């Protein structure tokens, strides 16, 4: 399934996207999709690192699976 979006880009980014699209013979939308997928993977890592840091600093805690199962009645 595809969802159409309208986006606004900085002029320099839009120009670079045009150049790369022509050079690689790929649609701009496909390049943006690939770039976002790559960036979201990077953000997932950063979020994981931040969560781990909060856990190590005692700012958050884990809940044992047994408690979750009991709460859900599993």
N, C-alpha and C. Protein backbone atom coordinates (compact mmCIF):
# COMPACT_ATOMS: atom_id res chain seq x y z
N UNK A 1 0.84 -1.17 0.00
CA UNK A 1 0.00 0.00 0.00
C UNK A 1 0.89 1.24 0.00
N UNK A 2 0.48 2.23 -0.72
CA UNK A 2 1.26 3.46 -0.85
C UNK A 2 0.42 4.62 -0.35
N UNK A 3 1.06 5.56 0.32
CA UNK A 3 0.38 6.77 0.78
C UNK A 3 1.09 7.96 0.18
N UNK A 4 0.35 8.82 -0.46
CA UNK A 4 0.92 10.01 -1.09
C UNK A 4 1.06 11.11 -0.05
N UNK A 5 2.23 11.77 -0.04
CA UNK A 5 2.51 12.88 0.87
C UNK A 5 3.02 14.07 0.08
N UNK A 6 2.74 15.24 0.57
CA UNK A 6 3.35 16.46 0.03
C UNK A 6 4.36 16.94 1.06
N UNK A 7 5.59 17.17 0.63
CA UNK A 7 6.63 17.63 1.56
C UNK A 7 7.28 18.89 1.00
N UNK A 8 7.87 19.64 1.90
CA UNK A 8 8.63 20.82 1.53
C UNK A 8 10.08 20.58 1.92
N UNK A 9 10.99 20.82 0.98
CA UNK A 9 12.41 20.62 1.23
C UNK A 9 13.16 21.93 1.03
N UNK A 10 14.26 22.05 1.75
CA UNK A 10 15.18 23.15 1.53
C UNK A 10 15.65 23.09 0.07
N UNK A 11 15.86 24.23 -0.54
CA UNK A 11 16.21 24.30 -1.97
C UNK A 11 17.44 23.45 -2.29
N UNK A 12 18.48 23.53 -1.46
CA UNK A 12 19.71 22.78 -1.73
C UNK A 12 19.46 21.27 -1.65
N UNK A 13 18.66 20.85 -0.71
CA UNK A 13 18.35 19.42 -0.58
C UNK A 13 17.55 18.95 -1.80
N UNK A 14 16.57 19.76 -2.21
CA UNK A 14 15.75 19.41 -3.38
C UNK A 14 16.61 19.30 -4.63
N UNK A 15 17.55 20.22 -4.79
CA UNK A 15 18.44 20.18 -5.95
C UNK A 15 19.34 18.95 -5.93
N UNK A 16 19.86 18.64 -4.76
CA UNK A 16 20.71 17.46 -4.64
C UNK A 16 19.90 16.19 -4.91
N UNK A 17 18.68 16.16 -4.43
CA UNK A 17 17.79 15.02 -4.69
C UNK A 17 17.55 14.87 -6.20
N UNK A 18 17.32 15.98 -6.89
CA UNK A 18 17.14 15.94 -8.34
C UNK A 18 18.37 15.35 -9.04
N UNK A 19 19.55 15.84 -8.65
CA UNK A 19 20.80 15.37 -9.27
C UNK A 19 21.02 13.88 -9.04
N UNK A 20 20.84 13.45 -7.80
CA UNK A 20 21.06 12.04 -7.47
C UNK A 20 20.04 11.16 -8.18
N UNK A 21 18.81 11.62 -8.23
CA UNK A 21 17.75 10.88 -8.90
C UNK A 21 18.09 10.65 -10.37
N UNK A 22 18.55 11.71 -11.02
CA UNK A 22 18.93 11.60 -12.44
C UNK A 22 20.15 10.70 -12.62
N UNK A 23 21.13 10.87 -11.75
CA UNK A 23 22.37 10.09 -11.85
C UNK A 23 22.11 8.60 -11.69
N UNK A 24 21.26 8.26 -10.73
CA UNK A 24 20.99 6.85 -10.45
C UNK A 24 19.82 6.29 -11.25
N UNK A 25 19.06 7.17 -11.89
CA UNK A 25 17.89 6.72 -12.64
C UNK A 25 16.80 6.17 -11.75
N UNK A 26 16.70 6.72 -10.54
CA UNK A 26 15.67 6.29 -9.59
C UNK A 26 14.71 7.44 -9.33
N UNK A 27 13.49 7.06 -9.02
CA UNK A 27 12.50 8.08 -8.68
C UNK A 27 12.88 8.75 -7.37
N UNK A 28 12.58 10.03 -7.30
CA UNK A 28 12.88 10.78 -6.07
C UNK A 28 12.16 10.19 -4.87
N UNK A 29 10.93 9.78 -5.07
CA UNK A 29 10.16 9.21 -3.95
C UNK A 29 10.82 7.94 -3.41
N UNK A 30 11.40 7.14 -4.30
CA UNK A 30 12.08 5.92 -3.87
C UNK A 30 13.35 6.25 -3.09
N UNK A 31 14.08 7.26 -3.54
CA UNK A 31 15.29 7.68 -2.81
C UNK A 31 14.94 8.21 -1.43
N UNK A 32 13.87 8.99 -1.35
CA UNK A 32 13.43 9.52 -0.06
C UNK A 32 13.01 8.38 0.86
N UNK A 33 12.29 7.42 0.31
CA UNK A 33 11.86 6.26 1.10
C UNK A 33 13.08 5.50 1.65
N UNK A 34 14.07 5.26 0.79
CA UNK A 34 15.28 4.56 1.24
C UNK A 34 16.03 5.36 2.30
N UNK A 35 16.12 6.67 2.10
CA UNK A 35 16.83 7.52 3.06
C UNK A 35 16.11 7.53 4.41
N UNK A 36 14.80 7.60 4.39
CA UNK A 36 14.04 7.59 5.64
C UNK A 36 14.16 6.25 6.35
N UNK A 37 14.14 5.16 5.60
CA UNK A 37 14.30 3.84 6.21
C UNK A 37 15.66 3.75 6.90
N UNK A 38 16.69 4.20 6.23
CA UNK A 38 18.04 4.20 6.81
C UNK A 38 18.08 5.07 8.06
N UNK A 39 17.49 6.26 7.99
CA UNK A 39 17.51 7.18 9.12
C UNK A 39 16.69 6.65 10.29
N UNK A 40 15.56 6.01 10.02
CA UNK A 40 14.75 5.44 11.10
C UNK A 40 15.50 4.32 11.80
N UNK A 41 16.27 3.53 11.06
CA UNK A 41 17.11 2.51 11.69
C UNK A 41 18.12 3.16 12.64
N UNK A 42 18.72 4.24 12.20
CA UNK A 42 19.67 4.99 13.03
C UNK A 42 18.97 5.51 14.29
N UNK A 43 17.77 6.07 14.12
CA UNK A 43 17.03 6.60 15.28
C UNK A 43 16.63 5.49 16.24
N UNK A 44 16.27 4.31 15.72
CA UNK A 44 15.97 3.17 16.58
C UNK A 44 17.16 2.84 17.48
N UNK A 45 18.35 2.88 16.92
CA UNK A 45 19.55 2.62 17.69
C UNK A 45 19.74 3.69 18.76
N UNK A 46 19.58 4.96 18.40
CA UNK A 46 19.74 6.05 19.37
C UNK A 46 18.72 5.93 20.50
N UNK A 47 17.48 5.60 20.16
CA UNK A 47 16.43 5.43 21.18
C UNK A 47 16.79 4.27 22.11
N UNK A 48 17.26 3.17 21.54
CA UNK A 48 17.66 2.01 22.34
C UNK A 48 18.79 2.37 23.29
N UNK A 49 19.78 3.10 22.79
CA UNK A 49 20.90 3.51 23.63
C UNK A 49 20.43 4.41 24.76
N UNK A 50 19.52 5.32 24.48
CA UNK A 50 19.00 6.23 25.50
C UNK A 50 18.20 5.46 26.55
N UNK A 51 17.39 4.52 26.12
CA UNK A 51 16.62 3.71 27.06
C UNK A 51 17.55 2.89 27.95
N UNK A 52 18.60 2.32 27.36
CA UNK A 52 19.56 1.54 28.14
C UNK A 52 20.27 2.42 29.16
N UNK A 53 20.63 3.64 28.75
CA UNK A 53 21.29 4.56 29.67
C UNK A 53 20.38 4.90 30.85
N UNK A 54 19.09 5.14 30.57
CA UNK A 54 18.14 5.45 31.65
C UNK A 54 17.99 4.26 32.58
N UNK A 55 18.00 3.05 32.03
CA UNK A 55 17.90 1.84 32.84
C UNK A 55 19.14 1.70 33.73
N UNK A 56 20.32 1.90 33.16
CA UNK A 56 21.56 1.79 33.91
C UNK A 56 21.66 2.84 35.00
N UNK A 57 21.09 4.03 34.75
CA UNK A 57 21.13 5.12 35.74
C UNK A 57 20.02 5.01 36.77
N UNK A 58 19.20 3.98 36.67
CA UNK A 58 18.12 3.78 37.62
C UNK A 58 16.94 4.72 37.40
N UNK A 59 16.88 5.37 36.25
CA UNK A 59 15.80 6.30 35.95
C UNK A 59 14.54 5.57 35.48
N UNK A 60 14.69 4.32 35.15
CA UNK A 60 13.57 3.49 34.71
C UNK A 60 13.83 2.08 35.19
N UNK A 61 12.82 1.24 35.16
CA UNK A 61 13.02 -0.13 35.60
C UNK A 61 12.33 -1.08 34.64
N UNK A 62 12.72 -2.33 34.75
CA UNK A 62 12.07 -3.36 33.95
C UNK A 62 11.00 -4.03 34.79
N UNK A 63 10.08 -4.68 34.12
CA UNK A 63 9.03 -5.43 34.80
C UNK A 63 9.23 -6.89 34.43
N UNK A 64 9.38 -7.74 35.44
CA UNK A 64 9.58 -9.16 35.13
C UNK A 64 8.41 -9.72 34.31
N UNK A 65 8.73 -10.63 33.41
CA UNK A 65 7.71 -11.22 32.54
C UNK A 65 6.60 -11.87 33.35
N UNK A 66 6.96 -12.47 34.46
CA UNK A 66 5.95 -13.13 35.31
C UNK A 66 4.86 -12.15 35.73
N UNK A 67 5.27 -10.92 36.11
CA UNK A 67 4.29 -9.90 36.51
C UNK A 67 3.39 -9.51 35.34
N UNK A 68 3.98 -9.38 34.17
CA UNK A 68 3.21 -9.02 32.98
C UNK A 68 2.21 -10.13 32.68
N UNK A 69 2.66 -11.38 32.70
CA UNK A 69 1.78 -12.50 32.43
C UNK A 69 0.64 -12.57 33.44
N UNK A 70 0.95 -12.36 34.72
CA UNK A 70 -0.09 -12.36 35.76
C UNK A 70 -1.10 -11.25 35.51
N UNK A 71 -0.60 -10.07 35.17
CA UNK A 71 -1.48 -8.93 34.91
C UNK A 71 -2.41 -9.19 33.73
N UNK A 72 -1.89 -9.87 32.71
CA UNK A 72 -2.68 -10.18 31.51
C UNK A 72 -3.48 -11.47 31.65
N UNK A 73 -3.24 -12.19 32.73
CA UNK A 73 -3.95 -13.45 32.93
C UNK A 73 -3.50 -14.55 32.00
N UNK A 74 -2.23 -14.50 31.65
CA UNK A 74 -1.68 -15.52 30.73
C UNK A 74 -1.04 -16.63 31.52
